[in-house]
């Protein structure tokens, strides 16, 4: 970069007029090499010479800010930050920071945008809420949700999904249930959010909570899809709720929803453990006739046949 800067200075000495494009090239060189302070200084020099930075100028700096830890400083630059950053650019930068696990910088970037009047959308908030939830930082995620509400930003389905997923990952199922109830009271009917909660109940061994969650989905008129049915059947099978799992499987197929090999094998395994070999073999045949790949097979020796036991041999 010293050679580039020297050539840049020589341009003025020989009477060549520099313009916005020339400065953008210089700023880009500094930014690519991680010299963000020099890039910012060149930006100031550009303004001092009476040249107007364009969106390209800012994009060059913003694109490198997350990589070199400059995002936190960027939000304090009122002129640069508020004059040129669009909602799309803010969302992109927040997402980059979250992807790189720079959550403190992403938080500061959003707060800086609020203070300086940069247009905001739900996308950037969702990215950071998702990152916080993944890291088990539910309080921080909830604070962002409250800020969204204060700003009048309507949460999307993804907002609730991330919040509920974070609570479920921490086995805070009562809080997840309260959030589901709040979601429904606000007019959101989200199958994905309920399915996340349903699966969490099963993973916690709480069949009662899972059954209630499933019933609630029906009461509010949610159309249970392939993912919901699969989570329900697999969960019931893991907890040896044979009749309930079989009934759910029958309902799933009667609605024209085609199970995959995982769901088929889950219910077949459950029937085998319960000694219901007739239905197990019937489903295994249906599975093969449907062209679904079988991931397990059953071998029954004389002893197991006499005692109605099935040994699953994986291959």
Protein backbone atom coordinates (compact mmCIF):
# COMPACT_ATOMS: atom_id res chain seq x y z
CA UNK A 1 0.00 0.00 0.00
CA UNK A 2 2.83 2.54 0.53
CA UNK A 3 3.58 2.43 -3.20
CA UNK A 4 -0.08 2.89 -4.05
CA UNK A 5 -0.31 5.86 -1.71
CA UNK A 6 2.85 7.36 -3.20
CA UNK A 7 1.42 7.05 -6.71
CA UNK A 8 -1.85 8.55 -5.50
CA UNK A 9 -0.02 11.61 -4.12
CA UNK A 10 2.00 11.99 -7.32
CA UNK A 11 -1.20 12.28 -9.34
CA UNK A 12 -1.97 15.64 -7.76
CA UNK A 13 1.62 16.79 -8.20
CA UNK A 14 1.46 16.26 -11.96
CA UNK A 15 -1.96 17.84 -12.27
CA UNK A 16 -4.11 14.72 -12.54
CA UNK A 17 -7.43 15.34 -10.79
CA UNK A 18 -8.46 12.60 -8.38
CA UNK A 19 -12.15 11.80 -8.07
CA UNK A 20 -14.49 9.59 -6.06
CA UNK A 21 -13.53 6.50 -8.05
CA UNK A 22 -9.83 7.12 -7.40
CA UNK A 23 -10.45 7.40 -3.68
CA UNK A 24 -12.62 4.28 -3.72
CA UNK A 25 -9.72 2.31 -5.20
CA UNK A 26 -7.38 3.63 -2.50
CA UNK A 27 -9.87 2.93 0.29
CA UNK A 28 -10.47 -0.57 -1.08
CA UNK A 29 -6.74 -1.28 -1.03
CA UNK A 30 -6.46 -0.22 2.60
CA UNK A 31 -9.59 -2.18 3.57
CA UNK A 32 -8.51 -5.38 1.84
CA UNK A 33 -5.17 -5.32 3.65
CA UNK A 34 -6.87 -4.78 7.00
CA UNK A 35 -5.67 -1.19 7.41
CA UNK A 36 -9.07 0.08 8.48
CA UNK A 37 -7.75 3.19 10.23
CA UNK A 38 -6.04 4.26 7.01
CA UNK A 39 -9.20 3.47 5.04
CA UNK A 40 -11.19 5.69 7.39
CA UNK A 41 -8.56 8.43 7.12
CA UNK A 42 -8.75 8.28 3.31
CA UNK A 43 -12.51 8.60 3.60
CA UNK A 44 -12.04 11.79 5.66
CA UNK A 45 -9.52 13.13 3.19
CA UNK A 46 -11.97 12.49 0.41
CA UNK A 47 -14.59 14.63 2.14
CA UNK A 48 -12.06 17.34 2.99
CA UNK A 49 -11.27 17.69 -0.72
CA UNK A 50 -14.94 18.31 -1.44
CA UNK A 51 -15.61 14.94 -3.00
CA UNK A 52 -18.88 13.18 -2.15
CA UNK A 53 -18.57 9.51 -1.08
CA UNK A 54 -21.02 7.20 -2.80
CA UNK A 55 -22.63 3.94 -1.75
CA UNK A 56 -19.66 2.07 -3.20
CA UNK A 57 -17.33 3.91 -0.81
CA UNK A 58 -19.30 2.83 2.20
CA UNK A 59 -19.83 -0.71 0.97
CA UNK A 60 -16.07 -1.15 0.62
CA UNK A 61 -15.55 -0.19 4.26
CA UNK A 62 -18.59 -2.07 5.59
CA UNK A 63 -17.69 -5.24 3.70
CA UNK A 64 -14.32 -5.42 5.46
CA UNK A 65 -15.40 -4.05 8.82
CA UNK A 66 -16.64 -7.37 10.17
CA UNK A 67 -13.54 -9.26 9.06
CA UNK A 68 -11.04 -6.97 10.74
CA UNK A 69 -13.05 -6.16 13.88
CA UNK A 70 -13.89 -2.66 12.75
CA UNK A 71 -17.68 -2.85 12.99
CA UNK A 72 -17.77 -1.50 16.54
CA UNK A 73 -15.83 1.61 15.48
CA UNK A 74 -17.99 1.99 12.40
CA UNK A 75 -21.18 2.49 14.38
CA UNK A 76 -19.68 5.51 16.16
CA UNK A 77 -18.92 7.25 12.89
CA UNK A 78 -22.19 9.14 12.60
CA UNK A 79 -21.50 10.72 9.23
CA UNK A 80 -20.34 7.53 7.57
CA UNK A 81 -22.79 5.24 9.32
CA UNK A 82 -26.08 7.11 9.08
CA UNK A 83 -25.58 8.81 5.74
CA UNK A 84 -24.81 5.77 3.63
CA UNK A 85 -25.94 2.56 5.30
CA UNK A 86 -29.17 1.14 3.92
CA UNK A 87 -31.37 -1.46 5.57
CA UNK A 88 -29.99 -4.13 3.22
CA UNK A 89 -26.40 -3.25 4.07
CA UNK A 90 -27.12 -3.22 7.80
CA UNK A 91 -28.77 -6.64 7.63
CA UNK A 92 -25.87 -8.02 5.60
CA UNK A 93 -23.27 -6.73 8.04
CA UNK A 94 -25.16 -8.02 11.10
CA UNK A 95 -25.49 -11.44 9.45
CA UNK A 96 -21.77 -11.51 8.67
CA UNK A 97 -20.89 -10.66 12.25
CA UNK A 98 -23.21 -13.36 13.58
CA UNK A 99 -21.75 -15.89 11.16
CA UNK A 100 -18.28 -15.05 12.46
CA UNK A 101 -19.51 -15.29 16.08
CA UNK A 102 -18.83 -11.59 16.68
CA UNK A 103 -22.07 -11.17 18.62
CA UNK A 104 -20.96 -8.19 20.70
CA UNK A 105 -20.13 -6.25 17.54
CA UNK A 106 -23.46 -7.24 15.98
CA UNK A 107 -25.28 -6.04 19.11
CA UNK A 108 -23.42 -2.73 19.10
CA UNK A 109 -24.07 -2.33 15.39
CA UNK A 110 -27.83 -2.67 15.86
CA UNK A 111 -27.87 -0.31 18.83
CA UNK A 112 -25.82 2.21 16.87
CA UNK A 113 -28.27 1.97 13.99
CA UNK A 114 -31.16 2.68 16.34
CA UNK A 115 -29.43 5.70 17.86
CA UNK A 116 -28.46 7.17 14.50
CA UNK A 117 -31.72 6.62 12.66
CA UNK A 118 -30.58 4.00 10.19
CA UNK A 119 -33.61 2.19 8.71
CA UNK A 120 -34.20 -1.12 10.45
CA UNK A 121 -35.86 -4.35 9.43
CA UNK A 122 -36.60 -7.58 11.21
CA UNK A 123 -33.93 -9.53 9.26
CA UNK A 124 -30.95 -8.19 11.19
CA UNK A 125 -32.71 -8.69 14.52
CA UNK A 126 -33.60 -12.27 13.61
CA UNK A 127 -29.99 -13.04 12.71
CA UNK A 128 -28.75 -11.93 16.13
CA UNK A 129 -31.68 -13.53 17.99
CA UNK A 130 -30.86 -16.82 16.22
CA UNK A 131 -27.18 -16.51 17.16
CA UNK A 132 -27.98 -15.73 20.80
CA UNK A 133 -30.45 -18.61 20.99
CA UNK A 134 -27.91 -21.02 19.52
CA UNK A 135 -25.38 -19.97 22.17
CA UNK A 136 -27.93 -20.37 24.98
CA UNK A 137 -28.13 -16.61 25.60
CA UNK A 138 -31.89 -16.40 25.91
CA UNK A 139 -31.94 -13.23 28.02
CA UNK A 140 -30.04 -11.35 25.32
CA UNK A 141 -32.35 -12.76 22.65
CA UNK A 142 -35.40 -11.72 24.67
CA UNK A 143 -34.02 -8.21 25.10
CA UNK A 144 -33.69 -7.88 21.32
CA UNK A 145 -37.28 -9.06 20.96
CA UNK A 146 -38.43 -6.37 23.40
CA UNK A 147 -36.46 -3.73 21.48
CA UNK A 148 -38.12 -4.85 18.26
CA UNK A 149 -41.53 -4.35 19.81
CA UNK A 150 -40.63 -0.89 21.09
CA UNK A 151 -39.51 0.09 17.60
CA UNK A 152 -42.76 -1.14 16.11
CA UNK A 153 -41.10 -3.93 14.14
CA UNK A 154 -43.47 -6.86 13.77
CA UNK A 155 -41.76 -10.17 14.59
CA UNK A 156 -41.78 -12.77 11.85
CA UNK A 157 -42.37 -16.49 12.18
CA UNK A 158 -38.59 -16.95 12.31
CA UNK A 159 -38.37 -14.65 15.34
CA UNK A 160 -40.61 -16.92 17.38
CA UNK A 161 -38.98 -20.07 16.05
CA UNK A 162 -35.53 -18.91 17.19
CA UNK A 163 -36.77 -17.82 20.63
CA UNK A 164 -38.64 -21.06 21.23
CA UNK A 165 -35.73 -23.14 19.95
CA UNK A 166 -33.41 -21.39 22.38
CA UNK A 167 -35.71 -22.10 25.32
CA UNK A 168 -36.22 -25.71 24.28
CA UNK A 169 -32.49 -26.30 23.92
CA UNK A 170 -32.13 -25.21 27.54
CA UNK A 171 -35.10 -27.43 28.52
CA UNK A 172 -37.04 -24.36 29.68
CA UNK A 173 -40.23 -25.90 28.39
CA UNK A 174 -42.65 -24.00 30.63
CA UNK A 175 -41.29 -20.71 29.30
CA UNK A 176 -41.49 -22.03 25.75
CA UNK A 177 -45.13 -22.91 26.37
CA UNK A 178 -45.86 -19.39 27.62
CA UNK A 179 -44.24 -17.96 24.51
CA UNK A 180 -46.36 -20.26 22.35
CA UNK A 181 -49.49 -19.02 24.10
CA UNK A 182 -48.38 -15.42 23.61
CA UNK A 183 -47.72 -16.16 19.95
CA UNK A 184 -51.22 -17.57 19.47
CA UNK A 185 -52.80 -14.62 21.32
CA UNK A 186 -51.13 -12.27 18.83
CA UNK A 187 -52.59 -14.13 15.88
CA UNK A 188 -49.55 -16.21 14.99
CA UNK A 189 -50.31 -19.84 14.26
CA UNK A 190 -47.01 -21.44 13.47
CA UNK A 191 -46.68 -25.15 12.93
CA UNK A 192 -42.89 -24.98 13.05
CA UNK A 193 -42.83 -23.36 16.50
CA UNK A 194 -45.18 -25.99 17.89
CA UNK A 195 -43.16 -28.79 16.28
CA UNK A 196 -39.97 -27.49 17.90
CA UNK A 197 -41.70 -27.53 21.28
CA UNK A 198 -43.24 -30.95 20.60
CA UNK A 199 -39.86 -32.47 19.82
CA UNK A 200 -38.35 -30.89 22.96
CA UNK A 201 -41.01 -32.49 25.17
CA UNK A 202 -40.23 -35.89 23.70
CA UNK A 203 -36.46 -35.41 24.10
CA UNK A 204 -37.11 -34.56 27.75
CA UNK A 205 -39.18 -37.72 28.16
CA UNK A 206 -42.29 -35.64 28.88
CA UNK A 207 -44.98 -37.53 27.00
CA UNK A 208 -47.79 -35.68 28.79
CA UNK A 209 -46.46 -32.32 27.64
CA UNK A 210 -45.95 -33.62 24.11
CA UNK A 211 -49.48 -35.00 23.88
CA UNK A 212 -50.91 -31.71 25.14
CA UNK A 213 -48.84 -29.78 22.61
CA UNK A 214 -50.16 -32.00 19.83
CA UNK A 215 -53.74 -31.50 21.01
CA UNK A 216 -53.21 -27.73 21.16
CA UNK A 217 -52.09 -27.75 17.54
CA UNK A 218 -55.39 -29.35 16.56
CA UNK A 219 -57.48 -27.03 18.73
CA UNK A 220 -56.14 -23.87 17.10
CA UNK A 221 -56.54 -25.34 13.63
CA UNK A 222 -52.91 -25.87 12.65
CA UNK A 223 -52.42 -28.17 9.69
CA UNK A 224 -49.93 -30.76 10.86
CA UNK A 225 -47.41 -31.41 8.11
CA UNK A 226 -44.83 -34.09 7.36
CA UNK A 227 -42.32 -32.66 9.84
CA UNK A 228 -44.87 -32.42 12.67
CA UNK A 229 -46.18 -35.95 12.10
CA UNK A 230 -42.67 -37.36 11.89
CA UNK A 231 -41.62 -35.68 15.15
CA UNK A 232 -44.79 -36.90 16.85
CA UNK A 233 -44.55 -40.51 15.66
CA UNK A 234 -40.82 -40.80 16.30
CA UNK A 235 -41.23 -39.29 19.77
CA UNK A 236 -44.08 -41.60 20.70
CA UNK A 237 -42.10 -44.56 19.41
CA UNK A 238 -39.06 -43.65 21.52
CA UNK A 239 -41.25 -43.55 24.63
CA UNK A 240 -42.98 -46.84 23.70
CA UNK A 241 -46.43 -45.31 23.22
CA UNK A 242 -47.26 -48.02 20.71
CA UNK A 243 -50.98 -47.49 20.15
CA UNK A 244 -50.69 -43.71 19.95
CA UNK A 245 -47.77 -43.94 17.52
CA UNK A 246 -49.62 -46.42 15.31
CA UNK A 247 -52.79 -44.30 15.28
CA UNK A 248 -50.77 -41.21 14.35
CA UNK A 249 -49.04 -43.15 11.58
CA UNK A 250 -52.41 -44.27 10.22
CA UNK A 251 -53.72 -40.69 10.33
CA UNK A 252 -50.60 -39.44 8.57
CA UNK A 253 -50.97 -41.86 5.67
CA UNK A 254 -54.74 -41.33 5.45
CA UNK A 255 -54.07 -37.65 4.80
CA UNK A 256 -51.83 -38.52 1.90
CA UNK A 257 -48.63 -37.59 3.72
CA UNK A 258 -45.94 -40.09 2.74
CA UNK A 259 -43.67 -41.21 5.63
CA UNK A 260 -39.95 -41.47 5.01
CA UNK A 261 -37.74 -44.44 5.89
CA UNK A 262 -36.94 -43.03 9.34
CA UNK A 263 -40.61 -42.78 10.34
CA UNK A 264 -41.39 -46.19 8.85
CA UNK A 265 -38.56 -47.86 10.71
CA UNK A 266 -39.42 -46.04 13.91
CA UNK A 267 -42.99 -47.37 13.98
CA UNK A 268 -41.93 -50.84 12.77
CA UNK A 269 -39.34 -51.06 15.54
CA UNK A 270 -41.94 -50.04 18.11
CA UNK A 271 -44.39 -52.69 16.89
CA UNK A 272 -41.65 -55.33 17.06
CA UNK A 273 -40.78 -54.44 20.63
CA UNK A 274 -44.48 -54.70 21.50
CA UNK A 275 -44.65 -58.14 19.88
CA UNK A 276 -47.06 -57.06 17.14
CA UNK A 277 -45.22 -58.87 14.37
CA UNK A 278 -48.19 -59.03 11.99
CA UNK A 279 -48.50 -55.27 11.69
CA UNK A 280 -44.72 -54.85 11.69
CA UNK A 281 -44.28 -57.11 8.66
CA UNK A 282 -47.29 -55.54 6.94
CA UNK A 283 -45.76 -52.08 7.26
CA UNK A 284 -42.38 -53.40 6.15
CA UNK A 285 -43.97 -54.76 2.99
CA UNK A 286 -45.85 -51.50 2.37
CA UNK A 287 -42.59 -49.66 2.79
CA UNK A 288 -40.83 -51.73 0.16
CA UNK A 289 -43.78 -51.56 -2.24
CA UNK A 290 -43.71 -47.77 -1.94
CA UNK A 291 -40.12 -47.78 -3.12
CA UNK A 292 -38.78 -46.47 0.19
CA UNK A 293 -35.32 -47.74 1.05
CA UNK A 294 -35.29 -50.02 4.06
CA UNK A 295 -32.52 -49.18 6.51
CA UNK A 296 -33.05 -52.25 8.68
CA UNK A 297 -34.18 -55.83 8.29
CA UNK A 298 -35.64 -58.34 10.67
CA UNK A 299 -34.35 -61.83 11.39
CA UNK A 300 -36.49 -64.12 13.43
CA UNK A 301 -35.06 -67.35 14.72
CA UNK A 302 -37.04 -70.19 16.25
CA UNK A 303 -36.69 -68.86 19.78
CA UNK A 304 -37.86 -65.36 18.95
CA UNK A 305 -40.74 -66.69 16.89
CA UNK A 306 -41.99 -68.80 19.78
CA UNK A 307 -41.74 -65.90 22.17
CA UNK A 308 -42.96 -63.23 19.72
CA UNK A 309 -39.68 -61.36 19.95
CA UNK A 310 -37.94 -59.53 17.17
CA UNK A 311 -34.25 -58.83 16.87
CA UNK A 312 -33.31 -55.88 14.69
CA UNK A 313 -30.16 -56.44 12.68
CA UNK A 314 -28.74 -53.25 11.19
CA UNK A 315 -26.77 -53.41 7.98
